[in-house]
C-alpha atoms as a PDB file:
ATOM      1  CA  MET A   1      15.455  43.258  56.966  1.00  0.00           C
ATOM      2  CA  ALA A   2      14.903  45.758  59.352  1.00  0.00           C
ATOM      3  CA  VAL A   3      15.744  43.770  62.021  1.00  0.00           C
ATOM      4  CA  ARG A   4      18.690  42.239  60.766  1.00  0.00           C
ATOM      5  CA  PHE A   5      19.926  45.377  58.932  1.00  0.00           C
ATOM      6  CA  PRO A   6      18.113  48.776  60.457  1.00  0.00           C
ATOM      7  CA  TRP A   7      20.733  51.438  58.535  1.00  0.00           C
ATOM      8  CA  LEU A   8      20.143  50.084  55.304  1.00  0.00           C
ATOM      9  CA  VAL A   9      16.533  50.243  55.774  1.00  0.00           C
ATOM     10  CA  ALA A  10      17.002  54.381  57.231  1.00  0.00           C
ATOM     11  CA  PHE A  11      19.142  54.536  54.122  1.00  0.00           C
ATOM     12  CA  ILE A  12      16.974  53.563  51.391  1.00  0.00           C
ATOM     13  CA  PHE A  13      13.765  55.132  53.122  1.00  0.00           C
ATOM     14  CA  GLY A  14      15.879  58.578  53.613  1.00  0.00           C
ATOM     15  CA  LEU A  15      17.393  58.191  49.527  1.00  0.00           C
ATOM     16  CA  LEU A  16      14.013  57.884  48.004  1.00  0.00           C
ATOM     17  CA  HIS A  17      12.863  60.803  50.133  1.00  0.00           C
ATOM     18  CA  GLY A  18      15.850  63.033  48.676  1.00  0.00           C
ATOM     19  CA  PHE A  19      15.160  61.806  45.361  1.00  0.00           C
ATOM     20  CA  GLY A  20      11.257  63.010  46.112  1.00  0.00           C
ATOM     21  CA  PHE A  21      12.582  66.367  47.321  1.00  0.00           C
ATOM     22  CA  ALA A  22      15.171  66.444  44.311  1.00  0.00           C
ATOM     23  CA  GLY A  23      11.974  66.479  41.791  1.00  0.00           C
ATOM     24  CA  ALA A  24       9.835  68.645  43.872  1.00  0.00           C
ATOM     25  CA  LEU A  25      12.877  71.447  43.750  1.00  0.00           C
ATOM     26  CA  SER A  26      13.635  70.703  39.465  1.00  0.00           C
ATOM     27  CA  GLU A  27       9.941  70.881  39.398  1.00  0.00           C
ATOM     28  CA  ILE A  28      10.145  74.482  40.826  1.00  0.00           C
ATOM     29  CA  GLY A  29      13.036  75.528  38.472  1.00  0.00           C
ATOM     30  CA  LEU A  30      15.450  75.383  40.807  1.00  0.00           C
ATOM     31  CA  PRO A  31      18.832  74.517  38.438  1.00  0.00           C
ATOM     32  CA  TRP A  32      20.447  71.013  38.341  1.00  0.00           C
ATOM     33  CA  GLN A  33      23.448  72.677  39.732  1.00  0.00           C
ATOM     34  CA  SER A  34      21.924  74.416  43.055  1.00  0.00           C
ATOM     35  CA  ILE A  35      20.109  70.992  44.062  1.00  0.00           C
ATOM     36  CA  PRO A  36      22.709  69.237  46.062  1.00  0.00           C
ATOM     37  CA  LEU A  37      23.453  72.371  48.374  1.00  0.00           C
ATOM     38  CA  ALA A  38      19.802  72.508  48.643  1.00  0.00           C
ATOM     39  CA  LEU A  39      19.183  69.066  49.813  1.00  0.00           C
ATOM     40  CA  LEU A  40      22.614  69.646  52.460  1.00  0.00           C
ATOM     41  CA  PHE A  41      20.786  72.416  53.844  1.00  0.00           C
ATOM     42  CA  PHE A  42      17.870  71.143  53.962  1.00  0.00           C
ATOM     43  CA  ASN A  43      19.379  67.909  55.666  1.00  0.00           C
ATOM     44  CA  ILE A  44      21.345  70.223  58.393  1.00  0.00           C
ATOM     45  CA  GLY A  45      17.888  72.217  58.955  1.00  0.00           C
ATOM     46  CA  VAL A  46      15.913  68.940  59.568  1.00  0.00           C
ATOM     47  CA  GLU A  47      18.591  67.518  61.730  1.00  0.00           C
ATOM     48  CA  PHE A  48      19.134  71.019  63.847  1.00  0.00           C
ATOM     49  CA  GLY A  49      15.449  71.193  64.223  1.00  0.00           C
ATOM     50  CA  GLN A  50      15.829  67.616  65.682  1.00  0.00           C
ATOM     51  CA  LEU A  51      18.428  68.601  68.039  1.00  0.00           C
ATOM     52  CA  ILE A  52      16.422  71.613  69.413  1.00  0.00           C
ATOM     53  CA  PHE A  53      13.158  69.297  69.499  1.00  0.00           C
ATOM     54  CA  VAL A  54      15.409  66.878  72.132  1.00  0.00           C
ATOM     55  CA  ALA A  55      16.707  69.800  74.149  1.00  0.00           C
ATOM     56  CA  VAL A  56      13.351  71.367  74.648  1.00  0.00           C
ATOM     57  CA  VAL A  57      12.064  67.495  75.850  1.00  0.00           C
ATOM     58  CA  VAL A  58      14.947  67.260  77.848  1.00  0.00           C
ATOM     59  CA  GLY A  59      14.545  70.699  79.341  1.00  0.00           C
ATOM     60  CA  ALA A  60      11.245  70.152  80.607  1.00  0.00           C
ATOM     61  CA  GLY A  61      12.049  66.577  81.881  1.00  0.00           C
ATOM     62  CA  TRP A  62      14.569  68.609  84.068  1.00  0.00           C
ATOM     63  CA  LEU A  63      12.016  71.021  84.625  1.00  0.00           C
ATOM     64  CA  LEU A  64       9.534  68.949  85.849  1.00  0.00           C
ATOM     65  CA  ARG A  65      11.781  66.898  87.983  1.00  0.00           C
ATOM     66  CA  GLN A  66      12.422  70.059  89.664  1.00  0.00           C
ATOM     67  CA  VAL A  67       8.926  70.528  90.451  1.00  0.00           C
ATOM     68  CA  ILE A  68       8.030  67.168  91.360  1.00  0.00           C
ATOM     69  CA  GLU A  69      11.406  67.112  94.010  1.00  0.00           C
ATOM     70  CA  LYS A  70       9.637  70.913  95.334  1.00  0.00           C
ATOM     71  CA  ASN A  71       6.165  68.538  96.121  1.00  0.00           C
ATOM     72  CA  SER A  72       4.630  71.090  93.915  1.00  0.00           C
ATOM     73  CA  LEU A  73       2.955  68.248  91.827  1.00  0.00           C
ATOM     74  CA  SER A  74      -0.117  70.020  91.805  1.00  0.00           C
ATOM     75  CA  TRP A  75       0.911  72.937  90.235  1.00  0.00           C
ATOM     76  CA  GLY A  76       3.090  70.650  87.715  1.00  0.00           C
ATOM     77  CA  LYS A  77       0.009  68.831  86.810  1.00  0.00           C
ATOM     78  CA  VAL A  78      -1.711  71.930  86.214  1.00  0.00           C
ATOM     79  CA  ALA A  79       0.575  73.616  84.241  1.00  0.00           C
ATOM     80  CA  ALA A  80       1.549  70.477  82.128  1.00  0.00           C
ATOM     81  CA  SER A  81      -2.549  70.285  81.166  1.00  0.00           C
ATOM     82  CA  TYR A  82      -2.851  73.667  80.141  1.00  0.00           C
ATOM     83  CA  ALA A  83       0.470  72.764  77.852  1.00  0.00           C
ATOM     84  CA  ILE A  84      -0.903  70.051  76.975  1.00  0.00           C
ATOM     85  CA  GLY A  85      -4.445  71.138  76.409  1.00  0.00           C
ATOM     86  CA  SER A  86      -2.884  74.320  74.226  1.00  0.00           C
ATOM     87  CA  ILE A  87      -1.297  72.462  71.967  1.00  0.00           C
ATOM     88  CA  ALA A  88      -3.989  69.994  71.190  1.00  0.00           C
ATOM     89  CA  ALA A  89      -6.538  72.839  70.665  1.00  0.00           C
ATOM     90  CA  PHE A  90      -4.151  74.367  68.849  1.00  0.00           C
ATOM     91  CA  TRP A  91      -3.753  71.259  66.374  1.00  0.00           C
ATOM     92  CA  THR A  92      -7.174  71.195  65.735  1.00  0.00           C
ATOM     93  CA  ILE A  93      -7.795  74.331  65.188  1.00  0.00           C
ATOM     94  CA  GLU A  94      -5.195  73.843  62.433  1.00  0.00           C
ATOM     95  CA  ARG A  95      -6.028  70.480  60.949  1.00  0.00           C
ATOM     96  CA  ILE A  96      -9.932  72.439  60.768  1.00  0.00           C
ATOM     97  CA  VAL A  97      -8.590  75.325  58.843  1.00  0.00           C
ATOM     98  CA  ALA A  98      -6.695  73.199  56.438  1.00  0.00           C
ATOM     99  CA  PHE A  99      -9.280  70.975  55.586  1.00  0.00           C
ATOM    100  CA  SER A 100     -11.682  73.630  55.599  1.00  0.00           C
ATOM    101  CA  GLY A 101     -10.245  75.489  52.557  1.00  0.00           C
END
């Protein structure tokens, strides 16, 4: 089914998550008439976040291409290594703190 109708699988997946999120909103005391607007703005925020992520990745790819074209690959490798290592360290510390308490 996922191969033949991927849009249907995505729709059902999103619908189930929307119901779950709506249930969580009602549990925290949000009135029923406010839930559709909250879901709409939540989804708009998610889409906006995805667009920002894609823009950052495309920008980083463009910057990396500029660095490679100028034969400064060694500097680019060092910068990329530090960036990846910093993110990995941050995520590791964040998860350790989350699991410890």
